[in-house]
Amino acid sequence: MRGFGELEQAIMDVIWAADEPIAVRGVLERLNRERPQQLAYNTVQTVMEILHRKGWLERAKDGRAFRYRATKNREEYAASLIDQVWETGADRTATLVRLFDELDAGEVAELRAALAARAEEGRA
């Protein structure tokens, strides 16, 4: 199973938190605020280009630089990881029960409401 690497995840977290498309320099500055070991511009640029090629980021030219935005949100990323679990042949029901055991009462109530709404729409 393959999710984001550590730096890919950190970059995506910055991009998901941004209110608008963001340049490599902006991502770098936000990442380096919290890191004792500063990242190089080229490192962040390379990883963002890889995320772009993987389809997780789209970019638009802004002067000499590009501005990036996510093509999918956090929930779509999490769902893609779960899809990878299903591809392993794991028992879906058993896996879901295990995940639901970790939910608190409020999250269970939200899940029940979401499932009820899907059933009303005829999607469940």
PDB file of N, CA and C in Angstrom:
ATOM      1  N   MET A   1       0.840  -1.177   0.000  1.00  0.00           N
ATOM      2  CA  MET A   1       0.000   0.000   0.000  1.00  0.00           C
ATOM      3  C   MET A   1       0.892   1.249   0.000  1.00  0.00           C
ATOM      4  N   ARG A   2       0.511   2.233  -0.785  1.00  0.00           N
ATOM      5  CA  ARG A   2       1.365   3.408  -0.938  1.00  0.00           C
ATOM      6  C   ARG A   2       0.558   4.666  -0.736  1.00  0.00           C
ATOM      7  N   GLY A   3       0.875   5.402   0.308  1.00  0.00           N
ATOM      8  CA  GLY A   3       0.322   6.725   0.526  1.00  0.00           C
ATOM      9  C   GLY A   3       1.402   7.751   0.244  1.00  0.00           C
ATOM     10  N   PHE A   4       1.172   8.963   0.676  1.00  0.00           N
ATOM     11  CA  PHE A   4       2.181  10.002   0.510  1.00  0.00           C
ATOM     12  C   PHE A   4       3.382   9.709   1.397  1.00  0.00           C
ATOM     13  N   GLY A   5       4.557  10.101   0.919  1.00  0.00           N
ATOM     14  CA  GLY A   5       5.742  10.098   1.763  1.00  0.00           C
ATOM     15  C   GLY A   5       5.630  11.265   2.748  1.00  0.00           C
ATOM     16  N   GLU A   6       6.567  11.342   3.682  1.00  0.00           N
ATOM     17  CA  GLU A   6       6.507  12.371   4.729  1.00  0.00           C
ATOM     18  C   GLU A   6       6.500  13.788   4.153  1.00  0.00           C
ATOM     19  N   LEU A   7       7.382  14.085   3.214  1.00  0.00           N
ATOM     20  CA  LEU A   7       7.434  15.425   2.641  1.00  0.00           C
ATOM     21  C   LEU A   7       6.235  15.681   1.734  1.00  0.00           C
ATOM     22  N   GLU A   8       5.808  14.676   0.987  1.00  0.00           N
ATOM     23  CA  GLU A   8       4.605  14.834   0.166  1.00  0.00           C
ATOM     24  C   GLU A   8       3.408  15.194   1.054  1.00  0.00           C
ATOM     25  N   GLN A   9       3.270  14.493   2.179  1.00  0.00           N
ATOM     26  CA  GLN A   9       2.160  14.759   3.086  1.00  0.00           C
ATOM     27  C   GLN A   9       2.240  16.175   3.652  1.00  0.00           C
ATOM     28  N   ALA A  10       3.436  16.599   4.049  1.00  0.00           N
ATOM     29  CA  ALA A  10       3.612  17.946   4.599  1.00  0.00           C
ATOM     30  C   ALA A  10       3.252  19.005   3.555  1.00  0.00           C
ATOM     31  N   ILE A  11       3.672  18.791   2.320  1.00  0.00           N
ATOM     32  CA  ILE A  11       3.339  19.731   1.240  1.00  0.00           C
ATOM     33  C   ILE A  11       1.840  19.761   1.001  1.00  0.00           C
ATOM     34  N   MET A  12       1.217  18.589   0.928  1.00  0.00           N
ATOM     35  CA  MET A  12      -0.236  18.552   0.709  1.00  0.00           C
ATOM     36  C   MET A  12      -0.973  19.220   1.856  1.00  0.00           C
ATOM     37  N   ASP A  13      -0.505  19.050   3.094  1.00  0.00           N
ATOM     38  CA  ASP A  13      -1.138  19.716   4.235  1.00  0.00           C
ATOM     39  C   ASP A  13      -1.114  21.231   4.066  1.00  0.00           C
ATOM     40  N   VAL A  14       0.018  21.761   3.610  1.00  0.00           N
ATOM     41  CA  VAL A  14       0.124  23.209   3.371  1.00  0.00           C
ATOM     42  C   VAL A  14      -0.839  23.627   2.264  1.00  0.00           C
ATOM     43  N   ILE A  15      -0.868  22.865   1.195  1.00  0.00           N
ATOM     44  CA  ILE A  15      -1.724  23.232   0.061  1.00  0.00           C
ATOM     45  C   ILE A  15      -3.196  23.128   0.435  1.00  0.00           C
ATOM     46  N   TRP A  16      -3.573  22.076   1.156  1.00  0.00           N
ATOM     47  CA  TRP A  16      -4.967  21.949   1.586  1.00  0.00           C
ATOM     48  C   TRP A  16      -5.370  23.078   2.523  1.00  0.00           C
ATOM     49  N   ALA A  17      -4.443  23.592   3.302  1.00  0.00           N
ATOM     50  CA  ALA A  17      -4.747  24.667   4.247  1.00  0.00           C
ATOM     51  C   ALA A  17      -4.772  26.043   3.585  1.00  0.00           C
ATOM     52  N   ALA A  18      -4.190  26.148   2.403  1.00  0.00           N
ATOM     53  CA  ALA A  18      -4.119  27.442   1.713  1.00  0.00           C
ATOM     54  C   ALA A  18      -5.488  27.848   1.183  1.00  0.00           C
ATOM     55  N   ASP A  19      -5.759  29.139   1.244  1.00  0.00           N
ATOM     56  CA  ASP A  19      -7.042  29.664   0.759  1.00  0.00           C
ATOM     57  C   ASP A  19      -7.086  29.816  -0.750  1.00  0.00           C
ATOM     58  N   GLU A  20      -5.934  29.816  -1.368  1.00  0.00           N
ATOM     59  CA  GLU A  20      -5.845  30.014  -2.816  1.00  0.00           C
ATOM     60  C   GLU A  20      -4.631  29.277  -3.343  1.00  0.00           C
ATOM     61  N   PRO A  21      -4.500  29.147  -4.669  1.00  0.00           N
ATOM     62  CA  PRO A  21      -3.312  28.490  -5.220  1.00  0.00           C
ATOM     63  C   PRO A  21      -2.038  29.143  -4.671  1.00  0.00           C
ATOM     64  N   ILE A  22      -1.023  28.325  -4.475  1.00  0.00           N
ATOM     65  CA  ILE A  22       0.188  28.780  -3.786  1.00  0.00           C
ATOM     66  C   ILE A  22       1.434  28.378  -4.572  1.00  0.00           C
ATOM     67  N   ALA A  23       2.416  29.263  -4.564  1.00  0.00           N
ATOM     68  CA  ALA A  23       3.683  29.015  -5.253  1.00  0.00           C
ATOM     69  C   ALA A  23       4.606  28.173  -4.366  1.00  0.00           C
ATOM     70  N   VAL A  24       5.617  27.596  -4.994  1.00  0.00           N
ATOM     71  CA  VAL A  24       6.600  26.791  -4.277  1.00  0.00           C
ATOM     72  C   VAL A  24       7.195  27.590  -3.127  1.00  0.00           C
ATOM     73  N   ARG A  25       7.535  28.840  -3.359  1.00  0.00           N
ATOM     74  CA  ARG A  25       8.150  29.682  -2.329  1.00  0.00           C
ATOM     75  C   ARG A  25       7.238  29.777  -1.098  1.00  0.00           C
ATOM     76  N   GLY A  26       5.937  29.941  -1.304  1.00  0.00           N
ATOM     77  CA  GLY A  26       4.999  30.017  -0.183  1.00  0.00           C
ATOM     78  C   GLY A  26       4.930  28.717   0.594  1.00  0.00           C
ATOM     79  N   VAL A  27       4.943  27.600  -0.119  1.00  0.00           N
ATOM     80  CA  VAL A  27       4.934  26.288   0.537  1.00  0.00           C
ATOM     81  C   VAL A  27       6.221  26.120   1.347  1.00  0.00           C
ATOM     82  N   LEU A  28       7.343  26.457   0.739  1.00  0.00           N
ATOM     83  CA  LEU A  28       8.639  26.343   1.402  1.00  0.00           C
ATOM     84  C   LEU A  28       8.673  27.162   2.691  1.00  0.00           C
ATOM     85  N   GLU A  29       8.208  28.402   2.627  1.00  0.00           N
ATOM     86  CA  GLU A  29       8.220  29.263   3.812  1.00  0.00           C
ATOM     87  C   GLU A  29       7.373  28.678   4.930  1.00  0.00           C
ATOM     88  N   ARG A  30       6.209  28.161   4.600  1.00  0.00           N
ATOM     89  CA  ARG A  30       5.337  27.575   5.627  1.00  0.00           C
ATOM     90  C   ARG A  30       5.941  26.302   6.209  1.00  0.00           C
ATOM     91  N   LEU A  31       6.543  25.481   5.379  1.00  0.00           N
ATOM     92  CA  LEU A  31       7.171  24.259   5.875  1.00  0.00           C
ATOM     93  C   LEU A  31       8.361  24.574   6.785  1.00  0.00           C
ATOM     94  N   ASN A  32       9.160  25.551   6.397  1.00  0.00           N
ATOM     95  CA  ASN A  32      10.375  25.854   7.150  1.00  0.00           C
ATOM     96  C   ASN A  32      10.095  26.552   8.477  1.00  0.00           C
ATOM     97  N   ARG A  33       8.907  27.120   8.658  1.00  0.00           N
ATOM     98  CA  ARG A  33       8.544  27.731   9.941  1.00  0.00           C
ATOM     99  C   ARG A  33       8.576  26.720  11.072  1.00  0.00           C
ATOM    100  N   GLU A  34       8.243  25.473  10.753  1.00  0.00           N
ATOM    101  CA  GLU A  34       8.073  24.444  11.773  1.00  0.00           C
ATOM    102  C   GLU A  34       9.202  23.419  11.788  1.00  0.00           C
ATOM    103  N   ARG A  35      10.223  23.617  10.994  1.00  0.00           N
ATOM    104  CA  ARG A  35      11.273  22.604  10.867  1.00  0.00           C
ATOM    105  C   ARG A  35      12.600  23.122  11.415  1.00  0.00           C
ATOM    106  N   PRO A  36      13.240  22.325  12.250  1.00  0.00           N
ATOM    107  CA  PRO A  36      14.579  22.724  12.695  1.00  0.00           C
ATOM    108  C   PRO A  36      15.588  22.619  11.549  1.00  0.00           C
ATOM    109  N   GLN A  37      15.418  21.607  10.693  1.00  0.00           N
ATOM    110  CA  GLN A  37      16.279  21.407   9.520  1.00  0.00           C
ATOM    111  C   GLN A  37      15.566  22.031   8.324  1.00  0.00           C
ATOM    112  N   GLN A  38      16.073  23.148   7.824  1.00  0.00           N
ATOM    113  CA  GLN A  38      15.429  23.869   6.736  1.00  0.00           C
ATOM    114  C   GLN A  38      15.496  23.086   5.423  1.00  0.00           C
ATOM    115  N   LEU A  39      14.405  23.106   4.689  1.00  0.00           N
ATOM    116  CA  LEU A  39      14.347  22.463   3.376  1.00  0.00           C
ATOM    117  C   LEU A  39      14.867  23.417   2.311  1.00  0.00           C
ATOM    118  N   ALA A  40      15.409  22.871   1.250  1.00  0.00           N
ATOM    119  CA  ALA A  40      15.871  23.666   0.116  1.00  0.00           C
ATOM    120  C   ALA A  40      14.709  23.891  -0.855  1.00  0.00           C
ATOM    121  N   TYR A  41      14.737  25.013  -1.522  1.00  0.00           N
ATOM    122  CA  TYR A  41      13.709  25.355  -2.516  1.00  0.00           C
ATOM    123  C   TYR A  41      13.585  24.235  -3.553  1.00  0.00           C
ATOM    124  N   ASN A  42      14.722  23.774  -4.088  1.00  0.00           N
ATOM    125  CA  ASN A  42      14.694  22.753  -5.147  1.00  0.00           C
ATOM    126  C   ASN A  42      14.064  21.449  -4.674  1.00  0.00           C
ATOM    127  N   THR A  43      14.245  21.113  -3.413  1.00  0.00           N
ATOM    128  CA  THR A  43      13.658  19.891  -2.865  1.00  0.00           C
ATOM    129  C   THR A  43      12.136  19.985  -2.901  1.00  0.00           C
ATOM    130  N   VAL A  44      11.611  21.099  -2.414  1.00  0.00           N
ATOM    131  CA  VAL A  44      10.154  21.293  -2.382  1.00  0.00           C
ATOM    132  C   VAL A  44       9.612  21.373  -3.809  1.00  0.00           C
ATOM    133  N   GLN A  45      10.298  22.082  -4.679  1.00  0.00           N
ATOM    134  CA  GLN A  45       9.867  22.199  -6.073  1.00  0.00           C
ATOM    135  C   GLN A  45       9.806  20.830  -6.745  1.00  0.00           C
ATOM    136  N   THR A  46      10.807  20.008  -6.507  1.00  0.00           N
ATOM    137  CA  THR A  46      10.841  18.668  -7.111  1.00  0.00           C
ATOM    138  C   THR A  46       9.676  17.815  -6.617  1.00  0.00           C
ATOM    139  N   VAL A  47       9.434  17.823  -5.329  1.00  0.00           N
ATOM    140  CA  VAL A  47       8.344  17.012  -4.778  1.00  0.00           C
ATOM    141  C   VAL A  47       6.997  17.533  -5.268  1.00  0.00           C
ATOM    142  N   MET A  48       6.840  18.843  -5.379  1.00  0.00           N
ATOM    143  CA  MET A  48       5.579  19.387  -5.904  1.00  0.00           C
ATOM    144  C   MET A  48       5.386  19.001  -7.365  1.00  0.00           C
ATOM    145  N   GLU A  49       6.461  18.945  -8.129  1.00  0.00           N
ATOM    146  CA  GLU A  49       6.366  18.501  -9.523  1.00  0.00           C
ATOM    147  C   GLU A  49       5.961  17.031  -9.584  1.00  0.00           C
ATOM    148  N   ILE A  50       6.497  16.227  -8.689  1.00  0.00           N
ATOM    149  CA  ILE A  50       6.112  14.812  -8.629  1.00  0.00           C
ATOM    150  C   ILE A  50       4.629  14.687  -8.289  1.00  0.00           C
ATOM    151  N   LEU A  51       4.158  15.456  -7.307  1.00  0.00           N
ATOM    152  CA  LEU A  51       2.733  15.434  -6.959  1.00  0.00           C
ATOM    153  C   LEU A  51       1.870  15.898  -8.134  1.00  0.00           C
ATOM    154  N   HIS A  52       2.374  16.839  -8.896  1.00  0.00           N
ATOM    155  CA  HIS A  52       1.665  17.294 -10.103  1.00  0.00           C
ATOM    156  C   HIS A  52       1.576  16.149 -11.118  1.00  0.00           C
ATOM    157  N   ARG A  53       2.670  15.465 -11.358  1.00  0.00           N
ATOM    158  CA  ARG A  53       2.673  14.349 -12.312  1.00  0.00           C
ATOM    159  C   ARG A  53       1.795  13.190 -11.846  1.00  0.00           C
ATOM    160  N   LYS A  54       1.688  13.011 -10.537  1.00  0.00           N
ATOM    161  CA  LYS A  54       0.831  11.959  -9.986  1.00  0.00           C
ATOM    162  C   LYS A  54      -0.654  12.337 -10.044  1.00  0.00           C
ATOM    163  N   GLY A  55      -0.935  13.607 -10.364  1.00  0.00           N
ATOM    164  CA  GLY A  55      -2.327  14.047 -10.476  1.00  0.00           C
ATOM    165  C   GLY A  55      -2.913  14.635  -9.201  1.00  0.00           C
ATOM    166  N   TRP A  56      -2.098  14.843  -8.173  1.00  0.00           N
ATOM    167  CA  TRP A  56      -2.596  15.401  -6.911  1.00  0.00           C
ATOM    168  C   TRP A  56      -2.593  16.926  -6.906  1.00  0.00           C
ATOM    169  N   LEU A  57      -1.766  17.521  -7.760  1.00  0.00           N
ATOM    170  CA  LEU A  57      -1.706  18.981  -7.859  1.00  0.00           C
ATOM    171  C   LEU A  57      -1.922  19.405  -9.299  1.00  0.00           C
ATOM    172  N   GLU A  58      -2.560  20.562  -9.459  1.00  0.00           N
ATOM    173  CA  GLU A  58      -2.582  21.191 -10.770  1.00  0.00           C
ATOM    174  C   GLU A  58      -1.895  22.532 -10.619  1.00  0.00           C
ATOM    175  N   ARG A  59      -1.384  23.047 -11.712  1.00  0.00           N
ATOM    176  CA  ARG A  59      -0.625  24.280 -11.633  1.00  0.00           C
ATOM    177  C   ARG A  59      -1.023  25.218 -12.753  1.00  0.00           C
ATOM    178  N   ALA A  60      -0.822  26.506 -12.483  1.00  0.00           N
ATOM    179  CA  ALA A  60      -1.077  27.544 -13.471  1.00  0.00           C
ATOM    180  C   ALA A  60       0.092  28.526 -13.414  1.00  0.00           C
ATOM    181  N   LYS A  61       0.530  28.964 -14.573  1.00  0.00           N
ATOM    182  CA  LYS A  61       1.657  29.902 -14.662  1.00  0.00           C
ATOM    183  C   LYS A  61       1.255  31.237 -14.056  1.00  0.00           C
ATOM    184  N   ASP A  62       2.161  31.797 -13.256  1.00  0.00           N
ATOM    185  CA  ASP A  62       1.964  33.114 -12.641  1.00  0.00           C
ATOM    186  C   ASP A  62       3.303  33.841 -12.732  1.00  0.00           C
ATOM    187  N   GLY A  63       3.480  34.596 -13.806  1.00  0.00           N
ATOM    188  CA  GLY A  63       4.775  35.221 -14.051  1.00  0.00           C
ATOM    189  C   GLY A  63       5.778  34.147 -14.413  1.00  0.00           C
ATOM    190  N   ARG A  64       6.889  34.110 -13.690  1.00  0.00           N
ATOM    191  CA  ARG A  64       7.918  33.092 -13.953  1.00  0.00           C
ATOM    192  C   ARG A  64       7.695  31.819 -13.141  1.00  0.00           C
ATOM    193  N   ALA A  65       6.772  31.858 -12.207  1.00  0.00           N
ATOM    194  CA  ALA A  65       6.539  30.708 -11.327  1.00  0.00           C
ATOM    195  C   ALA A  65       5.200  30.051 -11.645  1.00  0.00           C
ATOM    196  N   PHE A  66       4.952  28.948 -10.989  1.00  0.00           N
ATOM    197  CA  PHE A  66       3.657  28.290 -11.050  1.00  0.00           C
ATOM    198  C   PHE A  66       2.977  28.435  -9.691  1.00  0.00           C
ATOM    199  N   ARG A  67       1.675  28.472  -9.723  1.00  0.00           N
ATOM    200  CA  ARG A  67       0.876  28.393  -8.499  1.00  0.00           C
ATOM    201  C   ARG A  67       0.154  27.051  -8.551  1.00  0.00           C
ATOM    202  N   TYR A  68       0.164  26.368  -7.427  1.00  0.00           N
ATOM    203  CA  TYR A  68      -0.381  25.016  -7.335  1.00  0.00           C
ATOM    204  C   TYR A  68      -1.623  24.981  -6.466  1.00  0.00           C
ATOM    205  N   ARG A  69      -2.512  24.073  -6.806  1.00  0.00           N
ATOM    206  CA  ARG A  69      -3.666  23.778  -5.951  1.00  0.00           C
ATOM    207  C   ARG A  69      -3.943  22.287  -6.035  1.00  0.00           C
ATOM    208  N   ALA A  70      -4.572  21.767  -4.994  1.00  0.00           N
ATOM    209  CA  ALA A  70      -4.872  20.338  -4.938  1.00  0.00           C
ATOM    210  C   ALA A  70      -5.999  20.003  -5.903  1.00  0.00           C
ATOM    211  N   THR A  71      -5.896  18.840  -6.522  1.00  0.00           N
ATOM    212  CA  THR A  71      -6.967  18.373  -7.403  1.00  0.00           C
ATOM    213  C   THR A  71      -7.986  17.543  -6.623  1.00  0.00           C
ATOM    214  N   LYS A  72      -7.576  17.083  -5.431  1.00  0.00           N
ATOM    215  CA  LYS A  72      -8.459  16.272  -4.580  1.00  0.00           C
ATOM    216  C   LYS A  72      -8.301  16.752  -3.148  1.00  0.00           C
ATOM    217  N   ASN A  73      -9.362  16.602  -2.351  1.00  0.00           N
ATOM    218  CA  ASN A  73      -9.292  17.038  -0.959  1.00  0.00           C
ATOM    219  C   ASN A  73      -8.803  15.903  -0.060  1.00  0.00           C
ATOM    220  N   ARG A  74      -8.650  16.214   1.219  1.00  0.00           N
ATOM    221  CA  ARG A  74      -8.150  15.221   2.184  1.00  0.00           C
ATOM    222  C   ARG A  74      -9.014  13.964   2.218  1.00  0.00           C
ATOM    223  N   GLU A  75     -10.318  14.166   2.168  1.00  0.00           N
ATOM    224  CA  GLU A  75     -11.230  13.029   2.240  1.00  0.00           C
ATOM    225  C   GLU A  75     -11.077  12.113   1.031  1.00  0.00           C
ATOM    226  N   GLU A  76     -10.858  12.691  -0.137  1.00  0.00           N
ATOM    227  CA  GLU A  76     -10.629  11.876  -1.331  1.00  0.00           C
ATOM    228  C   GLU A  76      -9.303  11.112  -1.213  1.00  0.00           C
ATOM    229  N   TYR A  77      -8.306  11.735  -0.612  1.00  0.00           N
ATOM    230  CA  TYR A  77      -7.036  11.044  -0.381  1.00  0.00           C
ATOM    231  C   TYR A  77      -7.243   9.869   0.570  1.00  0.00           C
ATOM    232  N   ALA A  78      -7.933  10.123   1.692  1.00  0.00           N
ATOM    233  CA  ALA A  78      -8.181   9.046   2.660  1.00  0.00           C
ATOM    234  C   ALA A  78      -8.967   7.912   2.005  1.00  0.00           C
ATOM    235  N   ALA A  79      -9.959   8.258   1.200  1.00  0.00           N
ATOM    236  CA  ALA A  79     -10.753   7.234   0.513  1.00  0.00           C
ATOM    237  C   ALA A  79      -9.882   6.432  -0.454  1.00  0.00           C
ATOM    238  N   SER A  80      -8.916   7.081  -1.096  1.00  0.00           N
ATOM    239  CA  SER A  80      -8.028   6.352  -2.013  1.00  0.00           C
ATOM    240  C   SER A  80      -7.175   5.339  -1.250  1.00  0.00           C
ATOM    241  N   LEU A  81      -6.797   5.678  -0.024  1.00  0.00           N
ATOM    242  CA  LEU A  81      -6.040   4.716   0.797  1.00  0.00           C
ATOM    243  C   LEU A  81      -6.914   3.528   1.166  1.00  0.00           C
ATOM    244  N   ILE A  82      -8.172   3.795   1.484  1.00  0.00           N
ATOM    245  CA  ILE A  82      -9.098   2.708   1.810  1.00  0.00           C
ATOM    246  C   ILE A  82      -9.334   1.836   0.578  1.00  0.00           C
ATOM    247  N   ASP A  83      -9.435   2.456  -0.592  1.00  0.00           N
ATOM    248  CA  ASP A  83      -9.579   1.682  -1.830  1.00  0.00           C
ATOM    249  C   ASP A  83      -8.401   0.725  -2.011  1.00  0.00           C
ATOM    250  N   GLN A  84      -7.197   1.179  -1.643  1.00  0.00           N
ATOM    251  CA  GLN A  84      -6.024   0.318  -1.740  1.00  0.00           C
ATOM    252  C   GLN A  84      -6.148  -0.869  -0.790  1.00  0.00           C
ATOM    253  N   VAL A  85      -6.748  -0.639   0.381  1.00  0.00           N
ATOM    254  CA  VAL A  85      -6.978  -1.740   1.329  1.00  0.00           C
ATOM    255  C   VAL A  85      -7.923  -2.754   0.708  1.00  0.00           C
ATOM    256  N   TRP A  86      -9.007  -2.284   0.078  1.00  0.00           N
ATOM    257  CA  TRP A  86      -9.967  -3.205  -0.543  1.00  0.00           C
ATOM    258  C   TRP A  86      -9.288  -4.046  -1.614  1.00  0.00           C
ATOM    259  N   GLU A  87      -8.343  -3.442  -2.338  1.00  0.00           N
ATOM    260  CA  GLU A  87      -7.646  -4.175  -3.397  1.00  0.00           C
ATOM    261  C   GLU A  87      -6.791  -5.320  -2.855  1.00  0.00           C
ATOM    262  N   THR A  88      -6.465  -5.292  -1.568  1.00  0.00           N
ATOM    263  CA  THR A  88      -5.672  -6.371  -0.972  1.00  0.00           C
ATOM    264  C   THR A  88      -6.521  -7.598  -0.692  1.00  0.00           C
ATOM    265  N   GLY A  89      -7.831  -7.468  -0.827  1.00  0.00           N
ATOM    266  CA  GLY A  89      -8.725  -8.580  -0.547  1.00  0.00           C
ATOM    267  C   GLY A  89      -9.203  -8.614   0.889  1.00  0.00           C
ATOM    268  N   ALA A  90      -8.923  -7.567   1.640  1.00  0.00           N
ATOM    269  CA  ALA A  90      -9.378  -7.504   3.032  1.00  0.00           C
ATOM    270  C   ALA A  90     -10.897  -7.582   3.086  1.00  0.00           C
ATOM    271  N   ASP A  91     -11.422  -8.209   4.121  1.00  0.00           N
ATOM    272  CA  ASP A  91     -12.865  -8.307   4.335  1.00  0.00           C
ATOM    273  C   ASP A  91     -13.402  -6.906   4.631  1.00  0.00           C
ATOM    274  N   ARG A  92     -14.220  -6.381   3.728  1.00  0.00           N
ATOM    275  CA  ARG A  92     -14.724  -5.014   3.863  1.00  0.00           C
ATOM    276  C   ARG A  92     -15.498  -4.804   5.154  1.00  0.00           C
ATOM    277  N   THR A  93     -16.412  -5.711   5.452  1.00  0.00           N
ATOM    278  CA  THR A  93     -17.240  -5.545   6.642  1.00  0.00           C
ATOM    279  C   THR A  93     -16.387  -5.572   7.904  1.00  0.00           C
ATOM    280  N   ALA A  94     -15.506  -6.529   8.007  1.00  0.00           N
ATOM    281  CA  ALA A  94     -14.646  -6.630   9.189  1.00  0.00           C
ATOM    282  C   ALA A  94     -13.768  -5.386   9.335  1.00  0.00           C
ATOM    283  N   THR A  95     -13.250  -4.900   8.220  1.00  0.00           N
ATOM    284  CA  THR A  95     -12.405  -3.705   8.254  1.00  0.00           C
ATOM    285  C   THR A  95     -13.209  -2.494   8.701  1.00  0.00           C
ATOM    286  N   LEU A  96     -14.408  -2.335   8.145  1.00  0.00           N
ATOM    287  CA  LEU A  96     -15.249  -1.199   8.529  1.00  0.00           C
ATOM    288  C   LEU A  96     -15.648  -1.263   9.997  1.00  0.00           C
ATOM    289  N   VAL A  97     -16.001  -2.449  10.481  1.00  0.00           N
ATOM    290  CA  VAL A  97     -16.363  -2.596  11.895  1.00  0.00           C
ATOM    291  C   VAL A  97     -15.181  -2.171  12.764  1.00  0.00           C
ATOM    292  N   ARG A  98     -13.999  -2.597  12.384  1.00  0.00           N
ATOM    293  CA  ARG A  98     -12.793  -2.225  13.148  1.00  0.00           C
ATOM    294  C   ARG A  98     -12.601  -0.710  13.157  1.00  0.00           C
ATOM    295  N   LEU A  99     -12.783  -0.065  12.005  1.00  0.00           N
ATOM    296  CA  LEU A  99     -12.668   1.393  11.926  1.00  0.00           C
ATOM    297  C   LEU A  99     -13.742   2.076  12.771  1.00  0.00           C
ATOM    298  N   PHE A 100     -14.957   1.581  12.706  1.00  0.00           N
ATOM    299  CA  PHE A 100     -16.062   2.197  13.439  1.00  0.00           C
ATOM    300  C   PHE A 100     -15.897   2.040  14.940  1.00  0.00           C
ATOM    301  N   ASP A 101     -15.223   0.980  15.374  1.00  0.00           N
ATOM    302  CA  ASP A 101     -14.950   0.798  16.804  1.00  0.00           C
ATOM    303  C   ASP A 101     -14.110   1.942  17.367  1.00  0.00           C
ATOM    304  N   GLU A 102     -13.359   2.616  16.488  1.00  0.00           N
ATOM    305  CA  GLU A 102     -12.490   3.719  16.921  1.00  0.00           C
ATOM    306  C   GLU A 102     -13.221   5.064  16.982  1.00  0.00           C
ATOM    307  N   LEU A 103     -14.465   5.140  16.480  1.00  0.00           N
ATOM    308  CA  LEU A 103     -15.214   6.394  16.446  1.00  0.00           C
ATOM    309  C   LEU A 103     -15.808   6.712  17.808  1.00  0.00           C
ATOM    310  N   ASP A 104     -15.895   8.017  18.122  1.00  0.00           N
ATOM    311  CA  ASP A 104     -16.591   8.402  19.345  1.00  0.00           C
ATOM    312  C   ASP A 104     -18.086   8.547  19.044  1.00  0.00           C
ATOM    313  N   ALA A 105     -18.888   8.780  20.052  1.00  0.00           N
ATOM    314  CA  ALA A 105     -20.350   8.819  19.898  1.00  0.00           C
ATOM    315  C   ALA A 105     -20.797   9.884  18.890  1.00  0.00           C
ATOM    316  N   GLY A 106     -20.157  11.026  18.908  1.00  0.00           N
ATOM    317  CA  GLY A 106     -20.516  12.087  17.964  1.00  0.00           C
ATOM    318  C   GLY A 106     -20.235  11.701  16.526  1.00  0.00           C
ATOM    319  N   GLU A 107     -19.107  11.046  16.306  1.00  0.00           N
ATOM    320  CA  GLU A 107     -18.759  10.601  14.957  1.00  0.00           C
ATOM    321  C   GLU A 107     -19.710   9.503  14.486  1.00  0.00           C
ATOM    322  N   VAL A 108     -20.109   8.625  15.390  1.00  0.00           N
ATOM    323  CA  VAL A 108     -21.073   7.572  15.043  1.00  0.00           C
ATOM    324  C   VAL A 108     -22.400   8.210  14.639  1.00  0.00           C
ATOM    325  N   ALA A 109     -22.829   9.225  15.383  1.00  0.00           N
ATOM    326  CA  ALA A 109     -24.077   9.915  15.048  1.00  0.00           C
ATOM    327  C   ALA A 109     -23.986  10.583  13.673  1.00  0.00           C
ATOM    328  N   GLU A 110     -22.830  11.204  13.364  1.00  0.00           N
ATOM    329  CA  GLU A 110     -22.636  11.822  12.050  1.00  0.00           C
ATOM    330  C   GLU A 110     -22.675  10.773  10.946  1.00  0.00           C
ATOM    331  N   LEU A 111     -22.047   9.633  11.200  1.00  0.00           N
ATOM    332  CA  LEU A 111     -22.037   8.554  10.216  1.00  0.00           C
ATOM    333  C   LEU A 111     -23.445   8.031   9.979  1.00  0.00           C
ATOM    334  N   ARG A 112     -24.200   7.821  11.056  1.00  0.00           N
ATOM    335  CA  ARG A 112     -25.588   7.351  10.907  1.00  0.00           C
ATOM    336  C   ARG A 112     -26.415   8.345  10.090  1.00  0.00           C
ATOM    337  N   ALA A 113     -26.246   9.632  10.367  1.00  0.00           N
ATOM    338  CA  ALA A 113     -26.982  10.655   9.622  1.00  0.00           C
ATOM    339  C   ALA A 113     -26.595  10.644   8.146  1.00  0.00           C
ATOM    340  N   ALA A 114     -25.310  10.491   7.868  1.00  0.00           N
ATOM    341  CA  ALA A 114     -24.848  10.450   6.469  1.00  0.00           C
ATOM    342  C   ALA A 114     -25.406   9.223   5.753  1.00  0.00           C
ATOM    343  N   LEU A 115     -25.399   8.078   6.430  1.00  0.00           N
ATOM    344  CA  LEU A 115     -25.947   6.863   5.824  1.00  0.00           C
ATOM    345  C   LEU A 115     -27.447   6.982   5.600  1.00  0.00           C
ATOM    346  N   ALA A 116     -28.149   7.590   6.540  1.00  0.00           N
ATOM    347  CA  ALA A 116     -29.610   7.801   6.388  1.00  0.00           C
ATOM    348  C   ALA A 116     -29.880   8.714   5.196  1.00  0.00           C
ATOM    349  N   ALA A 117     -29.074   9.761   5.038  1.00  0.00           N
ATOM    350  CA  ALA A 117     -29.253  10.675   3.902  1.00  0.00           C
ATOM    351  C   ALA A 117     -29.003   9.951   2.588  1.00  0.00           C
ATOM    352  N   ARG A 118     -27.999   9.108   2.553  1.00  0.00           N
ATOM    353  CA  ARG A 118     -27.708   8.327   1.329  1.00  0.00           C
ATOM    354  C   ARG A 118     -28.863   7.384   1.021  1.00  0.00           C
ATOM    355  N   ALA A 119     -29.421   6.764   2.063  1.00  0.00           N
ATOM    356  CA  ALA A 119     -30.541   5.840   1.851  1.00  0.00           C
ATOM    357  C   ALA A 119     -31.760   6.573   1.287  1.00  0.00           C
ATOM    358  N   GLU A 120     -31.996   7.782   1.777  1.00  0.00           N
ATOM    359  CA  GLU A 120     -33.110   8.587   1.257  1.00  0.00           C
ATOM    360  C   GLU A 120     -32.901   8.963  -0.197  1.00  0.00           C
ATOM    361  N   GLU A 121     -31.654   9.174  -0.579  1.00  0.00           N
ATOM    362  CA  GLU A 121     -31.326   9.511  -1.970  1.00  0.00           C
ATOM    363  C   GLU A 121     -31.328   8.275  -2.858  1.00  0.00           C
ATOM    364  N   GLY A 122     -31.442   7.096  -2.239  1.00  0.00           N
ATOM    365  CA  GLY A 122     -31.427   5.846  -3.002  1.00  0.00           C
ATOM    366  C   GLY A 122     -30.032   5.398  -3.386  1.00  0.00           C
ATOM    367  N   ARG A 123     -29.001   5.910  -2.668  1.00  0.00           N
ATOM    368  CA  ARG A 123     -27.606   5.562  -3.003  1.00  0.00           C
ATOM    369  C   ARG A 123     -27.038   4.509  -2.067  1.00  0.00           C
ATOM    370  N   ALA A 124     -27.787   4.072  -1.087  1.00  0.00           N
ATOM    371  CA  ALA A 124     -27.215   3.096  -0.156  1.00  0.00           C
ATOM    372  C   ALA A 124     -27.964   1.787  -0.225  1.00  0.00           C
TER     373      ALA A 124
END
